[in-house]
All heavy atoms as atom14 arrays in JSON, in Angstrom:
{
  "sequence": "DGDGAVLMNPVGLITAGAHESLPLAHIVLDDGQYASTGGQAVPSRPD",
  "atom14_mask": [
    [1, 1, 1, 1, 1, 1, 1, 1, 0, 0, 0, 0, 0, 0],
    [1, 1, 1, 1, 0, 0, 0, 0, 0, 0, 0, 0, 0, 0],
    [1, 1, 1, 1, 1, 1, 1, 1, 0, 0, 0, 0, 0, 0],
    [1, 1, 1, 1, 0, 0, 0, 0, 0, 0, 0, 0, 0, 0],
    [1, 1, 1, 1, 1, 0, 0, 0, 0, 0, 0, 0, 0, 0],
    [1, 1, 1, 1, 1, 1, 1, 0, 0, 0, 0, 0, 0, 0],
    [1, 1, 1, 1, 1, 1, 1, 1, 0, 0, 0, 0, 0, 0],
    [1, 1, 1, 1, 1, 1, 1, 1, 0, 0, 0, 0, 0, 0],
    [1, 1, 1, 1, 1, 1, 1, 1, 0, 0, 0, 0, 0, 0],
    [1, 1, 1, 1, 1, 1, 1, 0, 0, 0, 0, 0, 0, 0],
    [1, 1, 1, 1, 1, 1, 1, 0, 0, 0, 0, 0, 0, 0],
    [1, 1, 1, 1, 0, 0, 0, 0, 0, 0, 0, 0, 0, 0],
    [1, 1, 1, 1, 1, 1, 1, 1, 0, 0, 0, 0, 0, 0],
    [1, 1, 1, 1, 1, 1, 1, 1, 0, 0, 0, 0, 0, 0],
    [1, 1, 1, 1, 1, 1, 1, 0, 0, 0, 0, 0, 0, 0],
    [1, 1, 1, 1, 1, 0, 0, 0, 0, 0, 0, 0, 0, 0],
    [1, 1, 1, 1, 0, 0, 0, 0, 0, 0, 0, 0, 0, 0],
    [1, 1, 1, 1, 1, 0, 0, 0, 0, 0, 0, 0, 0, 0],
    [1, 1, 1, 1, 1, 1, 1, 1, 1, 1, 0, 0, 0, 0],
    [1, 1, 1, 1, 1, 1, 1, 1, 1, 0, 0, 0, 0, 0],
    [1, 1, 1, 1, 1, 1, 0, 0, 0, 0, 0, 0, 0, 0],
    [1, 1, 1, 1, 1, 1, 1, 1, 0, 0, 0, 0, 0, 0],
    [1, 1, 1, 1, 1, 1, 1, 0, 0, 0, 0, 0, 0, 0],
    [1, 1, 1, 1, 1, 1, 1, 1, 0, 0, 0, 0, 0, 0],
    [1, 1, 1, 1, 1, 0, 0, 0, 0, 0, 0, 0, 0, 0],
    [1, 1, 1, 1, 1, 1, 1, 1, 1, 1, 0, 0, 0, 0],
    [1, 1, 1, 1, 1, 1, 1, 1, 0, 0, 0, 0, 0, 0],
    [1, 1, 1, 1, 1, 1, 1, 0, 0, 0, 0, 0, 0, 0],
    [1, 1, 1, 1, 1, 1, 1, 1, 0, 0, 0, 0, 0, 0],
    [1, 1, 1, 1, 1, 1, 1, 1, 0, 0, 0, 0, 0, 0],
    [1, 1, 1, 1, 1, 1, 1, 1, 0, 0, 0, 0, 0, 0],
    [1, 1, 1, 1, 0, 0, 0, 0, 0, 0, 0, 0, 0, 0],
    [1, 1, 1, 1, 1, 1, 1, 1, 1, 0, 0, 0, 0, 0],
    [1, 1, 1, 1, 1, 1, 1, 1, 1, 1, 1, 1, 0, 0],
    [1, 1, 1, 1, 1, 0, 0, 0, 0, 0, 0, 0, 0, 0],
    [1, 1, 1, 1, 1, 1, 0, 0, 0, 0, 0, 0, 0, 0],
    [1, 1, 1, 1, 1, 1, 1, 0, 0, 0, 0, 0, 0, 0],
    [1, 1, 1, 1, 0, 0, 0, 0, 0, 0, 0, 0, 0, 0],
    [1, 1, 1, 1, 0, 0, 0, 0, 0, 0, 0, 0, 0, 0],
    [1, 1, 1, 1, 1, 1, 1, 1, 1, 0, 0, 0, 0, 0],
    [1, 1, 1, 1, 1, 0, 0, 0, 0, 0, 0, 0, 0, 0],
    [1, 1, 1, 1, 1, 1, 1, 0, 0, 0, 0, 0, 0, 0],
    [1, 1, 1, 1, 1, 1, 1, 0, 0, 0, 0, 0, 0, 0],
    [1, 1, 1, 1, 1, 1, 0, 0, 0, 0, 0, 0, 0, 0],
    [1, 1, 1, 1, 1, 1, 1, 1, 1, 1, 1, 0, 0, 0],
    [1, 1, 1, 1, 1, 1, 1, 0, 0, 0, 0, 0, 0, 0],
    [1, 1, 1, 1, 1, 1, 1, 1, 0, 0, 0, 0, 0, 0]
  ],
  "atom14_positions": [
    [[86.06, 96.28, 102.36], [86.68, 95.01, 102.1], [87.09, 94.34, 103.35], [87.0, 94.95, 104.42], [87.92, 95.31, 101.26], [88.15, 94.34, 100.13], [87.63, 93.19, 100.16], [88.82, 94.74, 99.21], [0.0, 0.0, 0.0], [0.0, 0.0, 0.0], [0.0, 0.0, 0.0], [0.0, 0.0, 0.0], [0.0, 0.0, 0.0], [0.0, 0.0, 0.0]],
    [[87.54, 93.12, 103.27], [88.09, 92.44, 104.45], [89.58, 92.1, 104.26], [90.11, 92.11, 103.05], [0.0, 0.0, 0.0], [0.0, 0.0, 0.0], [0.0, 0.0, 0.0], [0.0, 0.0, 0.0], [0.0, 0.0, 0.0], [0.0, 0.0, 0.0], [0.0, 0.0, 0.0], [0.0, 0.0, 0.0], [0.0, 0.0, 0.0], [0.0, 0.0, 0.0]],
    [[90.26, 92.0, 105.34], [91.54, 91.7, 105.27], [91.94, 90.37, 104.46], [92.84, 90.32, 103.63], [92.26, 91.61, 106.69], [91.68, 90.66, 107.64], [90.41, 90.53, 107.61], [92.36, 89.98, 108.44], [0.0, 0.0, 0.0], [0.0, 0.0, 0.0], [0.0, 0.0, 0.0], [0.0, 0.0, 0.0], [0.0, 0.0, 0.0], [0.0, 0.0, 0.0]],
    [[91.25, 89.32, 104.76], [91.42, 88.17, 103.99], [91.14, 88.23, 102.48], [91.84, 87.73, 101.72], [0.0, 0.0, 0.0], [0.0, 0.0, 0.0], [0.0, 0.0, 0.0], [0.0, 0.0, 0.0], [0.0, 0.0, 0.0], [0.0, 0.0, 0.0], [0.0, 0.0, 0.0], [0.0, 0.0, 0.0], [0.0, 0.0, 0.0], [0.0, 0.0, 0.0]],
    [[90.05, 88.99, 102.19], [89.73, 89.23, 100.8], [90.8, 90.0, 100.03], [91.13, 89.71, 98.95], [88.4, 89.93, 100.61], [0.0, 0.0, 0.0], [0.0, 0.0, 0.0], [0.0, 0.0, 0.0], [0.0, 0.0, 0.0], [0.0, 0.0, 0.0], [0.0, 0.0, 0.0], [0.0, 0.0, 0.0], [0.0, 0.0, 0.0], [0.0, 0.0, 0.0]],
    [[91.39, 91.03, 100.71], [92.45, 91.73, 100.08], [93.73, 90.98, 99.8], [94.23, 91.06, 98.74], [92.77, 93.07, 100.91], [94.13, 93.66, 100.57], [91.68, 94.07, 100.9], [0.0, 0.0, 0.0], [0.0, 0.0, 0.0], [0.0, 0.0, 0.0], [0.0, 0.0, 0.0], [0.0, 0.0, 0.0], [0.0, 0.0, 0.0], [0.0, 0.0, 0.0]],
    [[94.0, 90.19, 100.78], [95.11, 89.22, 100.7], [94.99, 88.18, 99.63], [95.81, 87.66, 99.01], [95.59, 88.8, 101.96], [96.1, 89.76, 102.91], [96.31, 89.17, 104.3], [97.31, 90.44, 102.45], [0.0, 0.0, 0.0], [0.0, 0.0, 0.0], [0.0, 0.0, 0.0], [0.0, 0.0, 0.0], [0.0, 0.0, 0.0], [0.0, 0.0, 0.0]],
    [[93.61, 87.8, 99.36], [93.36, 86.73, 98.45], [93.6, 87.26, 97.06], [93.85, 86.49, 96.1], [91.9, 86.31, 98.62], [91.41, 85.26, 97.62], [89.82, 84.74, 97.92], [90.15, 83.57, 99.27], [0.0, 0.0, 0.0], [0.0, 0.0, 0.0], [0.0, 0.0, 0.0], [0.0, 0.0, 0.0], [0.0, 0.0, 0.0], [0.0, 0.0, 0.0]],
    [[93.34, 88.58, 96.91], [93.44, 89.07, 95.47], [93.81, 90.56, 95.64], [93.13, 91.53, 95.51], [92.1, 89.11, 94.73], [92.28, 89.45, 93.29], [93.33, 89.67, 92.81], [91.12, 89.52, 92.67], [0.0, 0.0, 0.0], [0.0, 0.0, 0.0], [0.0, 0.0, 0.0], [0.0, 0.0, 0.0], [0.0, 0.0, 0.0], [0.0, 0.0, 0.0]],
    [[95.24, 90.79, 95.75], [95.81, 92.11, 95.91], [95.84, 92.97, 94.63], [96.27, 94.15, 94.66], [97.21, 91.93, 96.42], [97.54, 90.55, 96.03], [96.18, 89.79, 95.96], [0.0, 0.0, 0.0], [0.0, 0.0, 0.0], [0.0, 0.0, 0.0], [0.0, 0.0, 0.0], [0.0, 0.0, 0.0], [0.0, 0.0, 0.0], [0.0, 0.0, 0.0]],
    [[95.34, 92.42, 93.56], [95.45, 93.21, 92.25], [94.59, 94.46, 92.35], [94.95, 95.5, 91.69], [94.97, 92.35, 91.08], [93.43, 92.08, 91.19], [95.32, 92.96, 89.78], [0.0, 0.0, 0.0], [0.0, 0.0, 0.0], [0.0, 0.0, 0.0], [0.0, 0.0, 0.0], [0.0, 0.0, 0.0], [0.0, 0.0, 0.0], [0.0, 0.0, 0.0]],
    [[93.51, 94.51, 93.18], [92.81, 95.82, 93.41], [93.72, 96.87, 93.93], [93.46, 98.03, 93.59], [0.0, 0.0, 0.0], [0.0, 0.0, 0.0], [0.0, 0.0, 0.0], [0.0, 0.0, 0.0], [0.0, 0.0, 0.0], [0.0, 0.0, 0.0], [0.0, 0.0, 0.0], [0.0, 0.0, 0.0], [0.0, 0.0, 0.0], [0.0, 0.0, 0.0]],
    [[94.51, 96.56, 94.94], [95.4, 97.48, 95.44], [96.37, 98.11, 94.36], [96.58, 99.2, 94.27], [96.26, 96.9, 96.64], [95.52, 96.56, 97.86], [96.52, 95.82, 98.84], [94.96, 97.69, 98.57], [0.0, 0.0, 0.0], [0.0, 0.0, 0.0], [0.0, 0.0, 0.0], [0.0, 0.0, 0.0], [0.0, 0.0, 0.0], [0.0, 0.0, 0.0]],
    [[96.92, 97.09, 93.59], [97.74, 97.55, 92.51], [97.25, 98.35, 91.5], [97.7, 99.38, 91.12], [98.38, 96.21, 91.91], [99.25, 95.42, 93.03], [99.34, 96.6, 90.72], [99.57, 94.08, 92.54], [0.0, 0.0, 0.0], [0.0, 0.0, 0.0], [0.0, 0.0, 0.0], [0.0, 0.0, 0.0], [0.0, 0.0, 0.0], [0.0, 0.0, 0.0]],
    [[95.95, 98.03, 91.12], [95.22, 98.77, 90.05], [94.85, 100.14, 90.64], [95.04, 101.16, 89.9], [93.95, 97.97, 89.61], [94.37, 96.68, 89.12], [93.23, 98.7, 88.52], [0.0, 0.0, 0.0], [0.0, 0.0, 0.0], [0.0, 0.0, 0.0], [0.0, 0.0, 0.0], [0.0, 0.0, 0.0], [0.0, 0.0, 0.0], [0.0, 0.0, 0.0]],
    [[94.25, 100.26, 91.8], [93.91, 101.54, 92.29], [95.02, 102.44, 92.52], [95.01, 103.56, 92.16], [93.03, 101.36, 93.67], [0.0, 0.0, 0.0], [0.0, 0.0, 0.0], [0.0, 0.0, 0.0], [0.0, 0.0, 0.0], [0.0, 0.0, 0.0], [0.0, 0.0, 0.0], [0.0, 0.0, 0.0], [0.0, 0.0, 0.0], [0.0, 0.0, 0.0]],
    [[96.13, 101.94, 93.04], [97.34, 102.67, 93.29], [97.94, 103.26, 92.02], [98.66, 104.27, 92.08], [0.0, 0.0, 0.0], [0.0, 0.0, 0.0], [0.0, 0.0, 0.0], [0.0, 0.0, 0.0], [0.0, 0.0, 0.0], [0.0, 0.0, 0.0], [0.0, 0.0, 0.0], [0.0, 0.0, 0.0], [0.0, 0.0, 0.0], [0.0, 0.0, 0.0]],
    [[97.67, 102.69, 90.86], [98.19, 103.07, 89.64], [97.31, 104.27, 89.0], [97.81, 104.89, 88.04], [98.25, 101.97, 88.63], [0.0, 0.0, 0.0], [0.0, 0.0, 0.0], [0.0, 0.0, 0.0], [0.0, 0.0, 0.0], [0.0, 0.0, 0.0], [0.0, 0.0, 0.0], [0.0, 0.0, 0.0], [0.0, 0.0, 0.0], [0.0, 0.0, 0.0]],
    [[96.24, 104.56, 89.57], [95.35, 105.66, 89.01], [95.28, 106.8, 90.01], [94.49, 106.8, 90.93], [94.04, 105.06, 88.77], [93.98, 104.03, 87.69], [93.99, 104.35, 86.39], [94.0, 102.71, 87.65], [94.08, 103.3, 85.58], [94.1, 102.18, 86.42], [0.0, 0.0, 0.0], [0.0, 0.0, 0.0], [0.0, 0.0, 0.0], [0.0, 0.0, 0.0]],
    [[96.12, 107.72, 89.93], [96.22, 108.84, 90.82], [94.96, 109.68, 90.98], [94.65, 110.33, 91.99], [97.36, 109.8, 90.43], [98.7, 109.22, 90.7], [99.8, 110.2, 90.25], [99.57, 111.34, 90.09], [100.94, 109.75, 90.1], [0.0, 0.0, 0.0], [0.0, 0.0, 0.0], [0.0, 0.0, 0.0], [0.0, 0.0, 0.0], [0.0, 0.0, 0.0]],
    [[94.03, 109.74, 89.94], [92.85, 110.5, 90.01], [91.58, 109.58, 90.15], [90.58, 110.11, 89.81], [92.77, 111.32, 88.72], [92.68, 110.52, 87.59], [0.0, 0.0, 0.0], [0.0, 0.0, 0.0], [0.0, 0.0, 0.0], [0.0, 0.0, 0.0], [0.0, 0.0, 0.0], [0.0, 0.0, 0.0], [0.0, 0.0, 0.0], [0.0, 0.0, 0.0]],
    [[91.74, 108.48, 90.71], [90.67, 107.68, 90.93], [89.91, 107.99, 92.23], [90.5, 107.99, 93.37], [91.05, 106.15, 91.01], [90.03, 105.05, 91.26], [89.24, 105.01, 89.9], [90.66, 103.77, 91.54], [0.0, 0.0, 0.0], [0.0, 0.0, 0.0], [0.0, 0.0, 0.0], [0.0, 0.0, 0.0], [0.0, 0.0, 0.0], [0.0, 0.0, 0.0]],
    [[88.55, 108.37, 92.26], [87.92, 108.77, 93.44], [87.49, 107.56, 94.19], [86.22, 107.15, 94.22], [86.68, 109.65, 92.94], [86.44, 109.06, 91.6], [87.74, 108.57, 90.99], [0.0, 0.0, 0.0], [0.0, 0.0, 0.0], [0.0, 0.0, 0.0], [0.0, 0.0, 0.0], [0.0, 0.0, 0.0], [0.0, 0.0, 0.0], [0.0, 0.0, 0.0]],
    [[88.35, 106.99, 94.94], [88.07, 105.75, 95.62], [88.48, 105.79, 97.09], [89.59, 106.05, 97.33], [88.69, 104.54, 94.9], [88.48, 103.12, 95.48], [87.19, 102.58, 94.97], [89.56, 102.16, 95.09], [0.0, 0.0, 0.0], [0.0, 0.0, 0.0], [0.0, 0.0, 0.0], [0.0, 0.0, 0.0], [0.0, 0.0, 0.0], [0.0, 0.0, 0.0]],
    [[87.57, 105.34, 97.95], [87.94, 105.16, 99.35], [87.84, 103.67, 99.6], [86.77, 103.0, 99.58], [87.05, 105.89, 100.28], [0.0, 0.0, 0.0], [0.0, 0.0, 0.0], [0.0, 0.0, 0.0], [0.0, 0.0, 0.0], [0.0, 0.0, 0.0], [0.0, 0.0, 0.0], [0.0, 0.0, 0.0], [0.0, 0.0, 0.0], [0.0, 0.0, 0.0]],
    [[89.03, 103.04, 99.8], [89.11, 101.58, 100.05], [89.26, 101.21, 101.62], [90.32, 101.55, 102.09], [90.36, 101.09, 99.23], [90.29, 99.48, 99.23], [91.21, 98.94, 98.35], [89.6, 98.53, 99.8], [91.03, 97.63, 98.45], [90.07, 97.28, 99.35], [0.0, 0.0, 0.0], [0.0, 0.0, 0.0], [0.0, 0.0, 0.0], [0.0, 0.0, 0.0]],
    [[88.27, 100.83, 102.14], [88.23, 100.59, 103.62], [88.43, 99.11, 103.86], [87.59, 98.29, 103.35], [86.87, 101.07, 104.21], [86.63, 102.48, 103.85], [86.82, 100.77, 105.76], [85.28, 102.99, 104.08], [0.0, 0.0, 0.0], [0.0, 0.0, 0.0], [0.0, 0.0, 0.0], [0.0, 0.0, 0.0], [0.0, 0.0, 0.0], [0.0, 0.0, 0.0]],
    [[89.34, 98.73, 104.55], [89.61, 97.25, 104.88], [89.33, 97.05, 106.37], [89.98, 97.69, 107.21], [91.08, 96.86, 104.54], [91.33, 95.45, 104.98], [91.26, 96.97, 103.02], [0.0, 0.0, 0.0], [0.0, 0.0, 0.0], [0.0, 0.0, 0.0], [0.0, 0.0, 0.0], [0.0, 0.0, 0.0], [0.0, 0.0, 0.0], [0.0, 0.0, 0.0]],
    [[88.33, 96.16, 106.62], [88.02, 95.8, 107.94], [88.8, 94.57, 108.32], [88.67, 93.49, 107.78], [86.49, 95.43, 108.05], [85.54, 96.52, 107.56], [84.04, 96.07, 107.66], [85.87, 97.84, 108.22], [0.0, 0.0, 0.0], [0.0, 0.0, 0.0], [0.0, 0.0, 0.0], [0.0, 0.0, 0.0], [0.0, 0.0, 0.0], [0.0, 0.0, 0.0]],
    [[89.77, 94.71, 109.26], [90.74, 93.74, 109.6], [90.51, 93.12, 111.03], [90.82, 93.65, 111.97], [92.1, 94.37, 109.62], [93.29, 93.4, 109.89], [93.06, 92.31, 110.12], [94.4, 93.89, 109.86], [0.0, 0.0, 0.0], [0.0, 0.0, 0.0], [0.0, 0.0, 0.0], [0.0, 0.0, 0.0], [0.0, 0.0, 0.0], [0.0, 0.0, 0.0]],
    [[89.88, 91.91, 110.89], [89.68, 91.2, 112.09], [90.59, 89.95, 112.23], [90.48, 89.09, 113.19], [88.2, 90.74, 112.22], [87.76, 89.86, 111.11], [88.57, 89.52, 110.2], [86.52, 89.58, 111.06], [0.0, 0.0, 0.0], [0.0, 0.0, 0.0], [0.0, 0.0, 0.0], [0.0, 0.0, 0.0], [0.0, 0.0, 0.0], [0.0, 0.0, 0.0]],
    [[91.53, 89.74, 111.23], [92.52, 88.66, 111.28], [91.89, 87.3, 110.97], [92.51, 86.2, 111.21], [0.0, 0.0, 0.0], [0.0, 0.0, 0.0], [0.0, 0.0, 0.0], [0.0, 0.0, 0.0], [0.0, 0.0, 0.0], [0.0, 0.0, 0.0], [0.0, 0.0, 0.0], [0.0, 0.0, 0.0], [0.0, 0.0, 0.0], [0.0, 0.0, 0.0]],
    [[90.65, 87.31, 110.49], [90.04, 85.96, 110.19], [89.1, 86.04, 108.99], [88.67, 87.05, 108.64], [89.33, 85.45, 111.48], [88.11, 86.38, 111.85], [87.43, 85.89, 113.06], [87.17, 84.69, 113.13], [87.05, 86.84, 113.94], [0.0, 0.0, 0.0], [0.0, 0.0, 0.0], [0.0, 0.0, 0.0], [0.0, 0.0, 0.0], [0.0, 0.0, 0.0]],
    [[88.79, 84.79, 108.47], [87.75, 84.64, 107.52], [86.5, 84.36, 108.28], [85.98, 83.3, 108.4], [88.09, 83.5, 106.6], [89.38, 83.78, 105.67], [90.55, 83.18, 105.94], [89.2, 84.58, 104.52], [91.6, 83.47, 105.15], [90.3, 84.9, 103.76], [91.58, 84.21, 104.1], [92.6, 84.48, 103.3], [0.0, 0.0, 0.0], [0.0, 0.0, 0.0]],
    [[85.92, 85.38, 108.9], [84.75, 85.32, 109.7], [83.62, 84.52, 109.18], [82.98, 83.7, 109.86], [84.37, 86.58, 110.34], [0.0, 0.0, 0.0], [0.0, 0.0, 0.0], [0.0, 0.0, 0.0], [0.0, 0.0, 0.0], [0.0, 0.0, 0.0], [0.0, 0.0, 0.0], [0.0, 0.0, 0.0], [0.0, 0.0, 0.0], [0.0, 0.0, 0.0]],
    [[83.22, 84.84, 108.02], [81.99, 84.3, 107.35], [82.11, 82.92, 107.0], [81.2, 82.25, 106.64], [81.41, 85.17, 106.38], [82.36, 85.3, 105.26], [0.0, 0.0, 0.0], [0.0, 0.0, 0.0], [0.0, 0.0, 0.0], [0.0, 0.0, 0.0], [0.0, 0.0, 0.0], [0.0, 0.0, 0.0], [0.0, 0.0, 0.0], [0.0, 0.0, 0.0]],
    [[83.38, 82.38, 106.92], [83.49, 80.9, 106.46], [83.93, 80.04, 107.69], [84.39, 78.91, 107.48], [84.52, 80.78, 105.41], [85.89, 81.18, 105.81], [84.11, 81.59, 104.12], [0.0, 0.0, 0.0], [0.0, 0.0, 0.0], [0.0, 0.0, 0.0], [0.0, 0.0, 0.0], [0.0, 0.0, 0.0], [0.0, 0.0, 0.0], [0.0, 0.0, 0.0]],
    [[83.77, 80.5, 108.94], [84.1, 79.74, 110.06], [85.18, 80.3, 111.06], [85.53, 79.69, 112.0], [0.0, 0.0, 0.0], [0.0, 0.0, 0.0], [0.0, 0.0, 0.0], [0.0, 0.0, 0.0], [0.0, 0.0, 0.0], [0.0, 0.0, 0.0], [0.0, 0.0, 0.0], [0.0, 0.0, 0.0], [0.0, 0.0, 0.0], [0.0, 0.0, 0.0]],
    [[85.69, 81.44, 110.69], [86.55, 82.06, 111.63], [88.05, 81.61, 111.54], [88.79, 81.73, 112.38], [0.0, 0.0, 0.0], [0.0, 0.0, 0.0], [0.0, 0.0, 0.0], [0.0, 0.0, 0.0], [0.0, 0.0, 0.0], [0.0, 0.0, 0.0], [0.0, 0.0, 0.0], [0.0, 0.0, 0.0], [0.0, 0.0, 0.0], [0.0, 0.0, 0.0]],
    [[88.4, 81.0, 110.42], [89.8, 80.62, 110.18], [90.66, 81.82, 110.18], [90.33, 82.88, 109.68], [90.0, 79.81, 108.8], [89.12, 78.67, 108.61], [87.77, 78.97, 107.96], [87.37, 80.21, 107.96], [87.0, 78.06, 107.5], [0.0, 0.0, 0.0], [0.0, 0.0, 0.0], [0.0, 0.0, 0.0], [0.0, 0.0, 0.0], [0.0, 0.0, 0.0]],
    [[91.89, 81.66, 110.74], [92.89, 82.8, 110.83], [93.36, 83.14, 109.42], [93.57, 82.23, 108.63], [94.03, 82.43, 111.72], [0.0, 0.0, 0.0], [0.0, 0.0, 0.0], [0.0, 0.0, 0.0], [0.0, 0.0, 0.0], [0.0, 0.0, 0.0], [0.0, 0.0, 0.0], [0.0, 0.0, 0.0], [0.0, 0.0, 0.0], [0.0, 0.0, 0.0]],
    [[93.49, 84.4, 109.1], [94.1, 84.72, 108.0], [95.6, 84.33, 108.01], [96.22, 84.8, 109.0], [93.92, 86.35, 107.64], [94.75, 86.81, 106.5], [92.48, 86.66, 107.44], [0.0, 0.0, 0.0], [0.0, 0.0, 0.0], [0.0, 0.0, 0.0], [0.0, 0.0, 0.0], [0.0, 0.0, 0.0], [0.0, 0.0, 0.0], [0.0, 0.0, 0.0]],
    [[96.14, 83.56, 107.01], [97.48, 83.0, 107.26], [98.65, 83.98, 107.2], [99.62, 83.76, 107.67], [97.59, 81.9, 106.23], [96.59, 82.39, 105.14], [95.56, 83.13, 105.85], [0.0, 0.0, 0.0], [0.0, 0.0, 0.0], [0.0, 0.0, 0.0], [0.0, 0.0, 0.0], [0.0, 0.0, 0.0], [0.0, 0.0, 0.0], [0.0, 0.0, 0.0]],
    [[98.47, 85.1, 106.57], [99.6, 86.05, 106.38], [99.16, 87.37, 106.95], [98.04, 87.8, 106.75], [99.87, 86.14, 104.9], [100.94, 87.11, 104.72], [0.0, 0.0, 0.0], [0.0, 0.0, 0.0], [0.0, 0.0, 0.0], [0.0, 0.0, 0.0], [0.0, 0.0, 0.0], [0.0, 0.0, 0.0], [0.0, 0.0, 0.0], [0.0, 0.0, 0.0]],
    [[99.98, 88.06, 107.67], [99.63, 89.31, 108.36], [100.52, 90.46, 108.0], [101.19, 91.04, 108.88], [99.63, 89.17, 109.88], [98.73, 88.02, 110.46], [97.25, 88.08, 110.23], [96.84, 89.38, 110.79], [95.83, 90.13, 110.42], [95.14, 89.82, 109.31], [95.56, 91.2, 110.92], [0.0, 0.0, 0.0], [0.0, 0.0, 0.0], [0.0, 0.0, 0.0]],
    [[100.63, 90.83, 106.69], [101.53, 91.91, 106.3], [100.89, 93.22, 106.9], [99.79, 93.21, 107.2], [101.52, 91.82, 104.81], [100.17, 91.23, 104.4], [99.84, 90.25, 105.55], [0.0, 0.0, 0.0], [0.0, 0.0, 0.0], [0.0, 0.0, 0.0], [0.0, 0.0, 0.0], [0.0, 0.0, 0.0], [0.0, 0.0, 0.0], [0.0, 0.0, 0.0]],
    [[101.67, 94.22, 106.85], [101.16, 95.57, 107.13], [100.34, 95.99, 105.96], [100.96, 96.46, 104.92], [102.43, 96.55, 107.43], [102.01, 97.85, 107.8], [100.89, 98.39, 107.41], [102.71, 98.58, 108.44], [0.0, 0.0, 0.0], [0.0, 0.0, 0.0], [0.0, 0.0, 0.0], [0.0, 0.0, 0.0], [0.0, 0.0, 0.0], [0.0, 0.0, 0.0]]
  ]
}
C-alpha cells in the first residue's frame, strides 16, 4: 500500500486490526507524496 492510499481510506486498518487471526502482512510504502498523480504532498502525516 501507499501512505496516501492508507490515509485516504483507513477502514482497512480498522477491519484488519479487528481480526486477530487474519493472515495478512500490510506493507505501507511511505514516500510522503501521491507520486503517481504528480507528486503532491500527502497533507496529513500521522504516525
